[in-house]
Protein backbone atom coordinates (compact mmCIF):
# COMPACT_ATOMS: atom_id res chain seq x y z
CA MET A 1 28.42 48.96 70.82
CA THR A 2 31.74 47.12 70.77
CA LYS A 3 32.40 44.48 68.15
CA ASP A 4 32.54 41.77 70.85
CA ALA A 5 29.15 42.88 72.19
CA LEU A 6 27.72 42.84 68.68
CA ILE A 7 29.05 39.34 68.00
CA GLY A 8 27.83 38.07 71.37
CA GLY A 9 24.42 39.67 70.91
CA TYR A 10 23.84 38.16 67.49
CA ALA A 11 25.13 34.76 68.64
CA GLN A 12 22.78 34.86 71.64
CA ALA A 13 19.82 35.84 69.46
CA MET A 14 20.54 33.09 66.91
CA PHE A 15 21.05 30.59 69.73
CA ALA A 16 17.68 31.55 71.26
CA VAL A 17 15.84 31.24 67.93
CA ALA A 18 17.40 27.86 67.12
CA ARG A 19 16.57 26.54 70.59
CA ALA A 20 12.99 27.90 70.42
CA GLU A 21 12.55 26.16 67.05
CA ASP A 22 13.85 22.92 68.64
CA ALA A 23 16.58 22.79 66.01
CA LEU A 24 19.66 23.88 67.94
CA ALA A 25 21.87 20.89 67.09
CA SER A 26 21.30 20.94 63.32
CA VAL A 27 21.23 24.74 63.03
CA GLU A 28 24.41 25.04 65.10
CA ASP A 29 26.23 22.56 62.84
CA GLU A 30 24.96 24.17 59.64
CA LEU A 31 25.81 27.70 60.76
CA TYR A 32 29.28 26.60 61.86
CA ALA A 33 29.93 24.92 58.52
CA PHE A 34 28.68 28.01 56.66
CA GLY A 35 30.88 30.29 58.75
CA LYS A 36 33.96 28.20 57.96
CA ALA A 37 33.04 28.10 54.25
CA LEU A 38 32.73 31.89 54.34
CA GLU A 39 36.20 32.18 55.88
CA GLN A 40 37.74 29.94 53.22
CA ASN A 41 35.84 31.11 50.12
CA THR A 42 36.91 34.59 49.07
CA GLY A 43 34.28 34.84 46.32
CA LEU A 44 31.42 33.99 48.68
CA ARG A 45 32.74 36.36 51.34
CA GLU A 46 33.04 39.20 48.81
CA SER A 47 29.52 38.55 47.49
CA LEU A 48 27.96 38.68 50.94
CA THR A 49 29.91 41.73 52.11
CA ASP A 50 29.78 43.83 48.90
CA ALA A 51 28.03 47.09 49.83
CA ALA A 52 26.99 47.61 46.19
CA LEU A 53 25.08 44.31 46.06
CA PRO A 54 21.45 44.57 47.22
CA VAL A 55 20.59 42.66 50.40
CA GLU A 56 17.98 40.58 48.57
CA ASN A 57 20.64 39.37 46.13
CA LYS A 58 22.91 38.38 49.04
CA LYS A 59 20.09 36.49 50.70
CA ALA A 60 19.30 34.80 47.36
CA VAL A 61 22.92 33.61 47.12
CA VAL A 62 22.61 31.98 50.56
CA GLY A 63 19.20 30.54 49.69
CA ASP A 64 20.53 29.06 46.44
CA LEU A 65 23.60 27.58 48.15
CA LEU A 66 21.68 25.99 51.01
CA ALA A 67 18.34 25.12 49.37
CA GLY A 68 17.44 21.55 50.27
CA LYS A 69 20.67 21.17 52.26
CA ALA A 70 19.96 23.21 55.38
CA ASN A 71 17.20 23.74 57.90
CA PRO A 72 15.00 26.72 56.94
CA VAL A 73 15.84 28.20 60.37
CA THR A 74 19.52 28.24 59.37
CA ILE A 75 18.76 30.04 56.12
CA GLY A 76 16.52 32.52 57.94
CA LEU A 77 19.14 33.30 60.58
CA LEU A 78 21.82 33.86 57.94
CA GLY A 79 19.43 36.18 56.11
CA PHE A 80 18.79 38.07 59.35
CA VAL A 81 22.50 38.75 59.89
CA ILE A 82 23.06 39.64 56.23
CA GLU A 83 20.09 42.01 56.22
CA ALA A 84 21.48 43.74 59.32
CA GLY A 85 24.75 44.34 57.42
CA HIS A 86 26.93 42.05 59.52
CA ALA A 87 27.84 39.31 57.03
CA ARG A 88 31.52 40.08 57.60
CA GLU A 89 31.08 39.05 61.26
CA LEU A 90 29.29 35.76 60.49
CA PRO A 91 32.29 33.48 61.14
CA LYS A 92 32.85 35.03 64.58
CA ILE A 93 29.14 35.03 65.37
CA VAL A 94 28.73 31.34 64.57
CA ASP A 95 31.93 30.47 66.47
CA GLU A 96 30.41 32.16 69.52
CA LEU A 97 27.06 30.42 68.98
CA ALA A 98 28.81 27.02 68.85
CA ARG A 99 30.74 27.87 72.01
CA MET A 100 27.46 28.82 73.75
CA ALA A 101 25.79 25.59 72.67
CA SER A 102 28.72 23.51 73.90
CA ALA A 103 28.79 25.39 77.22
CA GLU A 104 25.07 24.77 77.70
CA ARG A 105 25.76 21.04 77.35
CA GLU A 106 28.72 21.49 79.74
CA HIS A 107 31.08 20.54 76.93
CA VAL A 108 33.99 22.32 75.28
CA LEU A 109 34.23 22.96 71.57
CA ALA A 110 36.86 21.19 69.47
CA GLU A 111 37.53 22.45 65.96
CA VAL A 112 38.95 19.59 63.93
CA ARG A 113 40.53 20.21 60.53
CA THR A 114 40.74 17.30 58.10
CA ALA A 115 41.30 16.92 54.37
CA VAL A 116 37.99 15.05 54.01
CA ASP A 117 34.72 15.02 55.89
CA LEU A 118 34.36 12.48 58.68
CA SER A 119 31.55 9.99 59.14
CA ALA A 120 29.35 10.18 62.23
CA GLU A 121 31.21 7.17 63.67
CA GLN A 122 34.62 8.80 63.06
CA ARG A 123 33.41 12.04 64.67
CA GLU A 124 32.19 10.13 67.72
CA ARG A 125 35.48 8.22 68.10
CA LEU A 126 37.42 11.47 67.74
CA ALA A 127 35.20 13.19 70.33
CA GLN A 128 35.82 10.31 72.75
CA ALA A 129 39.59 10.42 72.17
CA LEU A 130 39.70 14.20 72.66
CA SER A 131 37.54 13.88 75.79
CA ARG A 132 40.02 11.38 77.22
CA ALA A 133 42.98 13.60 76.27
CA THR A 134 41.49 16.77 77.78
CA GLY A 135 39.50 15.35 80.68
CA ARG A 136 36.43 17.25 79.46
CA GLN A 137 33.41 16.36 77.34
CA VAL A 138 34.06 17.58 73.80
CA ASP A 139 31.78 18.66 70.94
CA VAL A 140 33.56 18.14 67.62
CA LYS A 141 33.09 20.57 64.73
CA VAL A 142 34.81 19.38 61.56
CA VAL A 143 36.24 21.82 59.05
CA VAL A 144 37.28 20.28 55.75
CA ASP A 145 40.63 21.85 54.92
CA PRO A 146 42.52 20.41 51.93
CA SER A 147 45.78 21.94 53.20
CA VAL A 148 45.81 19.32 55.99
CA VAL A 149 46.50 16.64 53.31
CA GLY A 150 45.99 13.74 55.74
CA GLY A 151 45.30 13.13 59.40
CA VAL A 152 43.66 15.68 61.69
CA ILE A 153 44.47 18.86 63.57
CA ALA A 154 42.25 19.46 66.59
CA ARG A 155 42.03 22.64 68.67
CA VAL A 156 40.31 22.44 72.04
CA GLY A 157 40.54 25.84 73.67
CA ASP A 158 44.25 26.65 73.76
CA GLU A 159 45.35 23.04 73.25
CA VAL A 160 46.31 21.82 69.77
CA PHE A 161 46.55 18.14 68.88
CA ASP A 162 48.38 17.86 65.56
CA GLY A 163 48.01 14.41 64.07
CA SER A 164 48.47 15.59 60.51
CA ILE A 165 50.75 13.83 58.06
CA ALA A 166 52.63 17.12 57.52
CA SER A 167 53.45 17.33 61.23
CA ARG A 168 54.57 13.69 61.32
CA LEU A 169 56.79 14.24 58.28
CA GLU A 170 58.30 17.35 59.91
CA ASP A 171 58.97 15.33 63.10
CA ALA A 172 60.64 12.59 61.04
CA LYS A 173 62.71 15.15 59.13
CA GLN A 174 63.94 16.69 62.39
CA ALA A 175 64.69 13.28 63.87
CA LEU A 176 66.70 12.30 60.80
CA GLY A 177 68.48 15.66 60.80
CA SER A 178 69.76 15.05 64.33
CA VAL A 179 71.24 11.65 63.44
């Protein structure tokens, strides 16, 4: 089985379970956030992918991290992937699951990086602005990334909208350099 087929298969299975449990929206968001945390947190990634660490310990780490903060379906699905030995693929699996969920709603997925989390109202305004800019309905997934410093960087498919302070400062620096 190719890696793409494996990722797609797990994403489809997780998608089907979340939908069957009538928890697709919350589980999708929680899995996406966990996948991004796994990408950014080396210690967590090493813990969940360490072959020497028993599977039950890995599942306990996830349970401890998400207890009271995530839908039990989310915790169960993460445990399922970890138990199958595919924790290393979790970020790609949940990216694919989010893409599937957006496609089912006839939307496109927008990954938005900000220095701080956004309120529901800010997310909605951003989704509307990105929808206007792309001409498509957009589902916004926020990734808190301190390296952004301020503003937002949004990726919708191949399009990148860089409204970060760093990009504005670079633009100003170049403008001043040409004077």
